[in-house]
Amino acid sequence: MSVTASPAPPPGDRPAPLPLAPRIIAVRADPPFVLVATFGTGERRRLDLADSVGTGPVAPPATPDAFARVAVEPGGFGLEWPGGADLHRDSLYYGGEPA
């Protein structure tokens, strides 16, 4: 059996990729599972993760106390929790709403 890759759509048919989100400089966890992050541009974004906590190997912790231990990763590229869960800055920036 032969497998061939589908041809890539012409450049005009593809949506332009989103630019990388600004770096995160601060984060706050609000009960029960809401993040409010401040980006290097001064923008603040809010993201409710109630539907995502505890749903996979790198999902945010499922208890409010553990969720509140979120920290900015070195360099501001994302957020991290003890135990290895993380969230990339693009997910927070583009998935969140202005705070």
PDB file of N, CA and C in Angstrom:
ATOM      1  N   MET A   1       0.843  -1.174   0.000  1.00  0.00           N
ATOM      2  CA  MET A   1       0.000   0.000   0.000  1.00  0.00           C
ATOM      3  C   MET A   1       0.889   1.238   0.000  1.00  0.00           C
ATOM      4  N   SER A   2       0.549   2.184  -0.811  1.00  0.00           N
ATOM      5  CA  SER A   2       1.327   3.410  -0.938  1.00  0.00           C
ATOM      6  C   SER A   2       0.572   4.565  -0.294  1.00  0.00           C
ATOM      7  N   VAL A   3       1.292   5.364   0.445  1.00  0.00           N
ATOM      8  CA  VAL A   3       0.695   6.525   1.100  1.00  0.00           C
ATOM      9  C   VAL A   3       1.340   7.767   0.516  1.00  0.00           C
ATOM     10  N   THR A   4       0.517   8.673   0.052  1.00  0.00           N
ATOM     11  CA  THR A   4       1.046   9.927  -0.470  1.00  0.00           C
ATOM     12  C   THR A   4       0.477  11.078   0.342  1.00  0.00           C
ATOM     13  N   ALA A   5       1.279  12.068   0.527  1.00  0.00           N
ATOM     14  CA  ALA A   5       0.846  13.250   1.278  1.00  0.00           C
ATOM     15  C   ALA A   5      -0.041  14.114   0.407  1.00  0.00           C
ATOM     16  N   SER A   6      -1.016  14.719   1.013  1.00  0.00           N
ATOM     17  CA  SER A   6      -1.861  15.658   0.289  1.00  0.00           C
ATOM     18  C   SER A   6      -1.046  16.887  -0.042  1.00  0.00           C
ATOM     19  N   PRO A   7      -1.252  17.438  -1.208  1.00  0.00           N
ATOM     20  CA  PRO A   7      -0.499  18.657  -1.534  1.00  0.00           C
ATOM     21  C   PRO A   7      -0.931  19.800  -0.618  1.00  0.00           C
ATOM     22  N   ALA A   8       0.005  20.646  -0.301  1.00  0.00           N
ATOM     23  CA  ALA A   8      -0.293  21.814   0.542  1.00  0.00           C
ATOM     24  C   ALA A   8      -1.167  22.770  -0.245  1.00  0.00           C
ATOM     25  N   PRO A   9      -2.105  23.413   0.426  1.00  0.00           N
ATOM     26  CA  PRO A   9      -2.935  24.387  -0.292  1.00  0.00           C
ATOM     27  C   PRO A   9      -2.078  25.558  -0.760  1.00  0.00           C
ATOM     28  N   PRO A  10      -2.480  26.183  -1.842  1.00  0.00           N
ATOM     29  CA  PRO A  10      -1.730  27.357  -2.302  1.00  0.00           C
ATOM     30  C   PRO A  10      -1.684  28.418  -1.213  1.00  0.00           C
ATOM     31  N   PRO A  11      -0.618  29.215  -1.177  1.00  0.00           N
ATOM     32  CA  PRO A  11      -0.477  30.215  -0.108  1.00  0.00           C
ATOM     33  C   PRO A  11      -1.687  31.116   0.068  1.00  0.00           C
ATOM     34  N   GLY A  12      -2.375  31.467  -1.001  1.00  0.00           N
ATOM     35  CA  GLY A  12      -3.533  32.349  -0.897  1.00  0.00           C
ATOM     36  C   GLY A  12      -4.732  31.694  -0.241  1.00  0.00           C
ATOM     37  N   ASP A  13      -4.744  30.345  -0.158  1.00  0.00           N
ATOM     38  CA  ASP A  13      -5.873  29.626   0.428  1.00  0.00           C
ATOM     39  C   ASP A  13      -5.674  29.307   1.901  1.00  0.00           C
ATOM     40  N   ARG A  14      -4.526  29.590   2.416  1.00  0.00           N
ATOM     41  CA  ARG A  14      -4.194  29.284   3.809  1.00  0.00           C
ATOM     42  C   ARG A  14      -4.330  30.529   4.666  1.00  0.00           C
ATOM     43  N   PRO A  15      -4.918  30.387   5.835  1.00  0.00           N
ATOM     44  CA  PRO A  15      -4.934  31.577   6.711  1.00  0.00           C
ATOM     45  C   PRO A  15      -3.515  31.901   7.173  1.00  0.00           C
ATOM     46  N   ALA A  16      -3.260  33.151   7.337  1.00  0.00           N
ATOM     47  CA  ALA A  16      -1.940  33.564   7.820  1.00  0.00           C
ATOM     48  C   ALA A  16      -1.767  33.094   9.260  1.00  0.00           C
ATOM     49  N   PRO A  17      -0.583  32.606   9.607  1.00  0.00           N
ATOM     50  CA  PRO A  17      -0.374  32.188  10.999  1.00  0.00           C
ATOM     51  C   PRO A  17      -0.412  33.399  11.924  1.00  0.00           C
ATOM     52  N   LEU A  18      -0.877  33.163  13.123  1.00  0.00           N
ATOM     53  CA  LEU A  18      -0.900  34.234  14.116  1.00  0.00           C
ATOM     54  C   LEU A  18       0.527  34.509  14.585  1.00  0.00           C
ATOM     55  N   PRO A  19       0.852  35.738  14.870  1.00  0.00           N
ATOM     56  CA  PRO A  19       2.185  36.015  15.426  1.00  0.00           C
ATOM     57  C   PRO A  19       2.282  35.437  16.837  1.00  0.00           C
ATOM     58  N   LEU A  20       3.502  35.177  17.282  1.00  0.00           N
ATOM     59  CA  LEU A  20       3.683  34.709  18.655  1.00  0.00           C
ATOM     60  C   LEU A  20       3.162  35.759  19.625  1.00  0.00           C
ATOM     61  N   ALA A  21       2.555  35.286  20.666  1.00  0.00           N
ATOM     62  CA  ALA A  21       2.047  36.183  21.704  1.00  0.00           C
ATOM     63  C   ALA A  21       3.220  36.841  22.427  1.00  0.00           C
ATOM     64  N   PRO A  22       2.986  38.002  23.019  1.00  0.00           N
ATOM     65  CA  PRO A  22       4.041  38.630  23.826  1.00  0.00           C
ATOM     66  C   PRO A  22       4.402  37.735  25.020  1.00  0.00           C
ATOM     67  N   ARG A  23       5.548  37.974  25.594  1.00  0.00           N
ATOM     68  CA  ARG A  23       5.968  37.201  26.759  1.00  0.00           C
ATOM     69  C   ARG A  23       5.141  37.577  27.984  1.00  0.00           C
ATOM     70  N   ILE A  24       4.945  36.577  28.838  1.00  0.00           N
ATOM     71  CA  ILE A  24       4.194  36.781  30.082  1.00  0.00           C
ATOM     72  C   ILE A  24       5.149  37.326  31.142  1.00  0.00           C
ATOM     73  N   ILE A  25       4.717  38.357  31.865  1.00  0.00           N
ATOM     74  CA  ILE A  25       5.580  38.892  32.925  1.00  0.00           C
ATOM     75  C   ILE A  25       5.019  38.639  34.319  1.00  0.00           C
ATOM     76  N   ALA A  26       3.707  38.326  34.415  1.00  0.00           N
ATOM     77  CA  ALA A  26       3.101  38.048  35.721  1.00  0.00           C
ATOM     78  C   ALA A  26       1.831  37.241  35.515  1.00  0.00           C
ATOM     79  N   VAL A  27       1.477  36.457  36.535  1.00  0.00           N
ATOM     80  CA  VAL A  27       0.240  35.687  36.484  1.00  0.00           C
ATOM     81  C   VAL A  27      -0.393  35.647  37.867  1.00  0.00           C
ATOM     82  N   ARG A  28      -1.715  35.595  37.870  1.00  0.00           N
ATOM     83  CA  ARG A  28      -2.481  35.449  39.098  1.00  0.00           C
ATOM     84  C   ARG A  28      -3.537  34.378  38.850  1.00  0.00           C
ATOM     85  N   ALA A  29      -3.742  33.503  39.812  1.00  0.00           N
ATOM     86  CA  ALA A  29      -4.806  32.503  39.732  1.00  0.00           C
ATOM     87  C   ALA A  29      -5.971  32.972  40.576  1.00  0.00           C
ATOM     88  N   ASP A  30      -7.144  33.063  39.964  1.00  0.00           N
ATOM     89  CA  ASP A  30      -8.367  33.423  40.685  1.00  0.00           C
ATOM     90  C   ASP A  30      -9.221  32.164  40.842  1.00  0.00           C
ATOM     91  N   PRO A  31      -9.874  32.004  41.986  1.00  0.00           N
ATOM     92  CA  PRO A  31     -10.678  30.800  42.214  1.00  0.00           C
ATOM     93  C   PRO A  31     -11.842  30.701  41.224  1.00  0.00           C
ATOM     94  N   PRO A  32     -12.265  29.504  40.853  1.00  0.00           N
ATOM     95  CA  PRO A  32     -11.526  28.304  41.193  1.00  0.00           C
ATOM     96  C   PRO A  32     -10.413  27.990  40.191  1.00  0.00           C
ATOM     97  N   PHE A  33     -10.613  28.259  38.879  1.00  0.00           N
ATOM     98  CA  PHE A  33      -9.618  27.857  37.878  1.00  0.00           C
ATOM     99  C   PHE A  33      -9.444  28.910  36.786  1.00  0.00           C
ATOM    100  N   VAL A  34      -9.274  30.159  37.190  1.00  0.00           N
ATOM    101  CA  VAL A  34      -9.117  31.261  36.245  1.00  0.00           C
ATOM    102  C   VAL A  34      -7.704  31.809  36.353  1.00  0.00           C
ATOM    103  N   LEU A  35      -7.091  32.068  35.196  1.00  0.00           N
ATOM    104  CA  LEU A  35      -5.776  32.709  35.155  1.00  0.00           C
ATOM    105  C   LEU A  35      -5.931  34.126  34.638  1.00  0.00           C
ATOM    106  N   VAL A  36      -5.208  35.048  35.236  1.00  0.00           N
ATOM    107  CA  VAL A  36      -5.112  36.415  34.735  1.00  0.00           C
ATOM    108  C   VAL A  36      -3.622  36.686  34.565  1.00  0.00           C
ATOM    109  N   ALA A  37      -3.225  36.891  33.308  1.00  0.00           N
ATOM    110  CA  ALA A  37      -1.806  37.087  33.015  1.00  0.00           C
ATOM    111  C   ALA A  37      -1.567  38.493  32.492  1.00  0.00           C
ATOM    112  N   THR A  38      -0.414  39.028  32.849  1.00  0.00           N
ATOM    113  CA  THR A  38       0.038  40.309  32.315  1.00  0.00           C
ATOM    114  C   THR A  38       1.175  40.012  31.347  1.00  0.00           C
ATOM    115  N   PHE A  39       1.084  40.596  30.157  1.00  0.00           N
ATOM    116  CA  PHE A  39       2.078  40.384  29.117  1.00  0.00           C
ATOM    117  C   PHE A  39       3.030  41.574  29.043  1.00  0.00           C
ATOM    118  N   GLY A  40       4.139  41.380  28.377  1.00  0.00           N
ATOM    119  CA  GLY A  40       5.162  42.418  28.263  1.00  0.00           C
ATOM    120  C   GLY A  40       4.673  43.692  27.609  1.00  0.00           C
ATOM    121  N   THR A  41       3.585  43.629  26.880  1.00  0.00           N
ATOM    122  CA  THR A  41       2.997  44.803  26.238  1.00  0.00           C
ATOM    123  C   THR A  41       2.133  45.614  27.203  1.00  0.00           C
ATOM    124  N   GLY A  42       1.925  45.068  28.415  1.00  0.00           N
ATOM    125  CA  GLY A  42       1.043  45.704  29.381  1.00  0.00           C
ATOM    126  C   GLY A  42      -0.379  45.155  29.310  1.00  0.00           C
ATOM    127  N   GLU A  43      -0.675  44.360  28.285  1.00  0.00           N
ATOM    128  CA  GLU A  43      -2.010  43.767  28.163  1.00  0.00           C
ATOM    129  C   GLU A  43      -2.229  42.725  29.254  1.00  0.00           C
ATOM    130  N   ARG A  44      -3.478  42.618  29.694  1.00  0.00           N
ATOM    131  CA  ARG A  44      -3.866  41.579  30.650  1.00  0.00           C
ATOM    132  C   ARG A  44      -4.924  40.722  29.989  1.00  0.00           C
ATOM    133  N   ARG A  45      -4.777  39.395  30.116  1.00  0.00           N
ATOM    134  CA  ARG A  45      -5.731  38.456  29.528  1.00  0.00           C
ATOM    135  C   ARG A  45      -6.220  37.511  30.609  1.00  0.00           C
ATOM    136  N   ARG A  46      -7.494  37.124  30.510  1.00  0.00           N
ATOM    137  CA  ARG A  46      -8.140  36.241  31.478  1.00  0.00           C
ATOM    138  C   ARG A  46      -8.570  34.979  30.745  1.00  0.00           C
ATOM    139  N   LEU A  47      -8.282  33.810  31.350  1.00  0.00           N
ATOM    140  CA  LEU A  47      -8.662  32.536  30.756  1.00  0.00           C
ATOM    141  C   LEU A  47      -9.210  31.617  31.837  1.00  0.00           C
ATOM    142  N   ASP A  48     -10.435  31.155  31.632  1.00  0.00           N
ATOM    143  CA  ASP A  48     -11.077  30.221  32.566  1.00  0.00           C
ATOM    144  C   ASP A  48     -10.756  28.799  32.096  1.00  0.00           C
ATOM    145  N   LEU A  49     -10.069  28.037  32.921  1.00  0.00           N
ATOM    146  CA  LEU A  49      -9.655  26.681  32.566  1.00  0.00           C
ATOM    147  C   LEU A  49     -10.473  25.605  33.277  1.00  0.00           C
ATOM    148  N   ALA A  50     -11.637  25.952  33.790  1.00  0.00           N
ATOM    149  CA  ALA A  50     -12.448  24.991  34.548  1.00  0.00           C
ATOM    150  C   ALA A  50     -12.726  23.714  33.760  1.00  0.00           C
ATOM    151  N   ASP A  51     -12.890  23.812  32.441  1.00  0.00           N
ATOM    152  CA  ASP A  51     -13.172  22.628  31.629  1.00  0.00           C
ATOM    153  C   ASP A  51     -11.917  21.827  31.288  1.00  0.00           C
ATOM    154  N   SER A  52     -10.736  22.342  31.588  1.00  0.00           N
ATOM    155  CA  SER A  52      -9.486  21.682  31.197  1.00  0.00           C
ATOM    156  C   SER A  52      -8.709  21.058  32.341  1.00  0.00           C
ATOM    157  N   VAL A  53      -8.982  21.455  33.571  1.00  0.00           N
ATOM    158  CA  VAL A  53      -8.173  20.972  34.691  1.00  0.00           C
ATOM    159  C   VAL A  53      -8.290  19.460  34.853  1.00  0.00           C
ATOM    160  N   GLY A  54      -7.156  18.835  35.085  1.00  0.00           N
ATOM    161  CA  GLY A  54      -7.111  17.408  35.366  1.00  0.00           C
ATOM    162  C   GLY A  54      -7.522  16.500  34.225  1.00  0.00           C
ATOM    163  N   THR A  55      -7.543  16.991  32.970  1.00  0.00           N
ATOM    164  CA  THR A  55      -8.041  16.186  31.858  1.00  0.00           C
ATOM    165  C   THR A  55      -6.957  15.482  31.043  1.00  0.00           C
ATOM    166  N   GLY A  56      -5.712  15.617  31.390  1.00  0.00           N
ATOM    167  CA  GLY A  56      -4.652  14.967  30.626  1.00  0.00           C
ATOM    168  C   GLY A  56      -3.342  15.016  31.367  1.00  0.00           C
ATOM    169  N   PRO A  57      -2.309  14.410  30.777  1.00  0.00           N
ATOM    170  CA  PRO A  57      -1.024  14.329  31.483  1.00  0.00           C
ATOM    171  C   PRO A  57      -0.351  15.676  31.728  1.00  0.00           C
ATOM    172  N   VAL A  58      -0.634  16.670  30.923  1.00  0.00           N
ATOM    173  CA  VAL A  58      -0.032  17.993  31.142  1.00  0.00           C
ATOM    174  C   VAL A  58      -1.102  19.054  31.401  1.00  0.00           C
ATOM    175  N   ALA A  59      -2.280  18.623  31.830  1.00  0.00           N
ATOM    176  CA  ALA A  59      -3.360  19.561  32.140  1.00  0.00           C
ATOM    177  C   ALA A  59      -3.111  20.231  33.488  1.00  0.00           C
ATOM    178  N   PRO A  60      -3.644  21.432  33.660  1.00  0.00           N
ATOM    179  CA  PRO A  60      -3.504  22.105  34.956  1.00  0.00           C
ATOM    180  C   PRO A  60      -4.083  21.255  36.086  1.00  0.00           C
ATOM    181  N   PRO A  61      -3.550  21.397  37.301  1.00  0.00           N
ATOM    182  CA  PRO A  61      -4.025  20.623  38.452  1.00  0.00           C
ATOM    183  C   PRO A  61      -5.517  20.820  38.714  1.00  0.00           C
ATOM    184  N   ALA A  62      -6.144  19.763  39.225  1.00  0.00           N
ATOM    185  CA  ALA A  62      -7.598  19.752  39.388  1.00  0.00           C
ATOM    186  C   ALA A  62      -8.097  20.233  40.741  1.00  0.00           C
ATOM    187  N   THR A  63      -7.217  20.680  41.615  1.00  0.00           N
ATOM    188  CA  THR A  63      -7.679  21.244  42.880  1.00  0.00           C
ATOM    189  C   THR A  63      -7.332  22.736  42.903  1.00  0.00           C
ATOM    190  N   PRO A  64      -8.212  23.564  43.455  1.00  0.00           N
ATOM    191  CA  PRO A  64      -7.922  25.000  43.473  1.00  0.00           C
ATOM    192  C   PRO A  64      -6.591  25.353  44.141  1.00  0.00           C
ATOM    193  N   ASP A  65      -6.222  24.651  45.215  1.00  0.00           N
ATOM    194  CA  ASP A  65      -4.956  24.960  45.890  1.00  0.00           C
ATOM    195  C   ASP A  65      -3.763  24.673  44.988  1.00  0.00           C
ATOM    196  N   ALA A  66      -3.780  23.526  44.305  1.00  0.00           N
ATOM    197  CA  ALA A  66      -2.676  23.182  43.398  1.00  0.00           C
ATOM    198  C   ALA A  66      -2.676  24.105  42.183  1.00  0.00           C
ATOM    199  N   PHE A  67      -3.855  24.436  41.679  1.00  0.00           N
ATOM    200  CA  PHE A  67      -3.963  25.341  40.530  1.00  0.00           C
ATOM    201  C   PHE A  67      -3.348  26.699  40.854  1.00  0.00           C
ATOM    202  N   ALA A  68      -3.534  27.163  42.082  1.00  0.00           N
ATOM    203  CA  ALA A  68      -3.039  28.476  42.500  1.00  0.00           C
ATOM    204  C   ALA A  68      -1.520  28.554  42.549  1.00  0.00           C
ATOM    205  N   ARG A  69      -0.820  27.423  42.457  1.00  0.00           N
ATOM    206  CA  ARG A  69       0.652  27.424  42.488  1.00  0.00           C
ATOM    207  C   ARG A  69       1.267  27.658  41.107  1.00  0.00           C
ATOM    208  N   VAL A  70       0.496  28.220  40.200  1.00  0.00           N
ATOM    209  CA  VAL A  70       0.984  28.521  38.860  1.00  0.00           C
ATOM    210  C   VAL A  70       2.115  29.552  38.939  1.00  0.00           C
ATOM    211  N   ALA A  71       3.054  29.447  38.009  1.00  0.00           N
ATOM    212  CA  ALA A  71       4.175  30.392  37.948  1.00  0.00           C
ATOM    213  C   ALA A  71       4.514  30.675  36.488  1.00  0.00           C
ATOM    214  N   VAL A  72       5.130  31.812  36.243  1.00  0.00           N
ATOM    215  CA  VAL A  72       5.603  32.149  34.906  1.00  0.00           C
ATOM    216  C   VAL A  72       6.879  31.352  34.639  1.00  0.00           C
ATOM    217  N   GLU A  73       6.939  30.697  33.486  1.00  0.00           N
ATOM    218  CA  GLU A  73       8.158  29.973  33.103  1.00  0.00           C
ATOM    219  C   GLU A  73       9.287  30.967  32.861  1.00  0.00           C
ATOM    220  N   PRO A  74      10.536  30.551  33.088  1.00  0.00           N
ATOM    221  CA  PRO A  74      11.661  31.440  32.783  1.00  0.00           C
ATOM    222  C   PRO A  74      11.586  31.930  31.335  1.00  0.00           C
ATOM    223  N   GLY A  75      11.770  33.193  31.145  1.00  0.00           N
ATOM    224  CA  GLY A  75      11.711  33.774  29.809  1.00  0.00           C
ATOM    225  C   GLY A  75      10.329  34.252  29.409  1.00  0.00           C
ATOM    226  N   GLY A  76       9.289  33.879  30.192  1.00  0.00           N
ATOM    227  CA  GLY A  76       7.940  34.340  29.911  1.00  0.00           C
ATOM    228  C   GLY A  76       7.242  33.651  28.752  1.00  0.00           C
ATOM    229  N   PHE A  77       7.733  32.457  28.362  1.00  0.00           N
ATOM    230  CA  PHE A  77       7.163  31.751  27.209  1.00  0.00           C
ATOM    231  C   PHE A  77       5.884  30.994  27.546  1.00  0.00           C
ATOM    232  N   GLY A  78       5.569  30.869  28.820  1.00  0.00           N
ATOM    233  CA  GLY A  78       4.373  30.149  29.221  1.00  0.00           C
ATOM    234  C   GLY A  78       4.238  30.133  30.723  1.00  0.00           C
ATOM    235  N   LEU A  79       3.314  29.296  31.181  1.00  0.00           N
ATOM    236  CA  LEU A  79       3.063  29.119  32.612  1.00  0.00           C
ATOM    237  C   LEU A  79       3.337  27.673  32.970  1.00  0.00           C
ATOM    238  N   GLU A  80       3.655  27.437  34.240  1.00  0.00           N
ATOM    239  CA  GLU A  80       3.927  26.068  34.677  1.00  0.00           C
ATOM    240  C   GLU A  80       3.409  25.857  36.093  1.00  0.00           C
ATOM    241  N   TRP A  81       3.131  24.583  36.384  1.00  0.00           N
ATOM    242  CA  TRP A  81       2.711  24.157  37.710  1.00  0.00           C
ATOM    243  C   TRP A  81       3.668  23.089  38.196  1.00  0.00           C
ATOM    244  N   PRO A  82       3.839  22.945  39.508  1.00  0.00           N
ATOM    245  CA  PRO A  82       4.608  21.815  40.028  1.00  0.00           C
ATOM    246  C   PRO A  82       3.993  20.509  39.500  1.00  0.00           C
ATOM    247  N   GLY A  83       4.823  19.585  39.123  1.00  0.00           N
ATOM    248  CA  GLY A  83       4.333  18.321  38.578  1.00  0.00           C
ATOM    249  C   GLY A  83       4.394  18.254  37.061  1.00  0.00           C
ATOM    250  N   GLY A  84       4.727  19.357  36.400  1.00  0.00           N
ATOM    251  CA  GLY A  84       4.961  19.319  34.966  1.00  0.00           C
ATOM    252  C   GLY A  84       3.885  19.891  34.071  1.00  0.00           C
ATOM    253  N   ALA A  85       2.726  20.235  34.586  1.00  0.00           N
ATOM    254  CA  ALA A  85       1.698  20.836  33.730  1.00  0.00           C
ATOM    255  C   ALA A  85       2.173  22.204  33.268  1.00  0.00           C
ATOM    256  N   ASP A  86       1.804  22.565  32.048  1.00  0.00           N
ATOM    257  CA  ASP A  86       2.199  23.871  31.533  1.00  0.00           C
ATOM    258  C   ASP A  86       1.181  24.389  30.540  1.00  0.00           C
ATOM    259  N   LEU A  87       1.309  25.662  30.208  1.00  0.00           N
ATOM    260  CA  LEU A  87       0.419  26.323  29.264  1.00  0.00           C
ATOM    261  C   LEU A  87       1.249  27.328  28.483  1.00  0.00           C
ATOM    262  N   HIS A  88       1.248  27.213  27.159  1.00  0.00           N
ATOM    263  CA  HIS A  88       2.024  28.117  26.310  1.00  0.00           C
ATOM    264  C   HIS A  88       1.377  29.496  26.279  1.00  0.00           C
ATOM    265  N   ARG A  89       2.187  30.505  26.130  1.00  0.00           N
ATOM    266  CA  ARG A  89       1.695  31.890  26.124  1.00  0.00           C
ATOM    267  C   ARG A  89       0.664  32.135  25.031  1.00  0.00           C
ATOM    268  N   ASP A  90       0.799  31.479  23.869  1.00  0.00           N
ATOM    269  CA  ASP A  90      -0.178  31.666  22.789  1.00  0.00           C
ATOM    270  C   ASP A  90      -1.566  31.204  23.206  1.00  0.00           C
ATOM    271  N   SER A  91      -1.630  30.085  23.937  1.00  0.00           N
ATOM    272  CA  SER A  91      -2.933  29.558  24.378  1.00  0.00           C
ATOM    273  C   SER A  91      -3.628  30.557  25.290  1.00  0.00           C
ATOM    274  N   LEU A  92      -2.891  31.183  26.161  1.00  0.00           N
ATOM    275  CA  LEU A  92      -3.458  32.146  27.094  1.00  0.00           C
ATOM    276  C   LEU A  92      -3.824  33.454  26.382  1.00  0.00           C
ATOM    277  N   TYR A  93      -2.928  33.907  25.524  1.00  0.00           N
ATOM    278  CA  TYR A  93      -3.138  35.193  24.837  1.00  0.00           C
ATOM    279  C   TYR A  93      -4.303  35.113  23.860  1.00  0.00           C
ATOM    280  N   TYR A  94      -4.292  34.122  22.981  1.00  0.00           N
ATOM    281  CA  TYR A  94      -5.314  34.025  21.948  1.00  0.00           C
ATOM    282  C   TYR A  94      -6.589  33.332  22.428  1.00  0.00           C
ATOM    283  N   GLY A  95      -6.492  32.514  23.468  1.00  0.00           N
ATOM    284  CA  GLY A  95      -7.674  31.844  23.995  1.00  0.00           C
ATOM    285  C   GLY A  95      -8.372  32.632  25.075  1.00  0.00           C
ATOM    286  N   GLY A  96      -7.673  33.600  25.635  1.00  0.00           N
ATOM    287  CA  GLY A  96      -8.243  34.400  26.721  1.00  0.00           C
ATOM    288  C   GLY A  96      -8.981  35.625  26.220  1.00  0.00           C
ATOM    289  N   GLU A  97      -9.520  36.343  27.157  1.00  0.00           N
ATOM    290  CA  GLU A  97     -10.220  37.589  26.851  1.00  0.00           C
ATOM    291  C   GLU A  97      -9.545  38.722  27.605  1.00  0.00           C
ATOM    292  N   PRO A  98      -9.691  39.961  27.136  1.00  0.00           N
ATOM    293  CA  PRO A  98      -9.084  41.068  27.859  1.00  0.00           C
ATOM    294  C   PRO A  98      -9.579  41.123  29.299  1.00  0.00           C
ATOM    295  N   ALA A  99      -8.665  41.405  30.195  1.00  0.00           N
ATOM    296  CA  ALA A  99      -9.019  41.472  31.637  1.00  0.00           C
ATOM    297  C   ALA A  99      -9.013  42.916  32.105  1.00  0.00           C
TER     298      ALA A  99
END
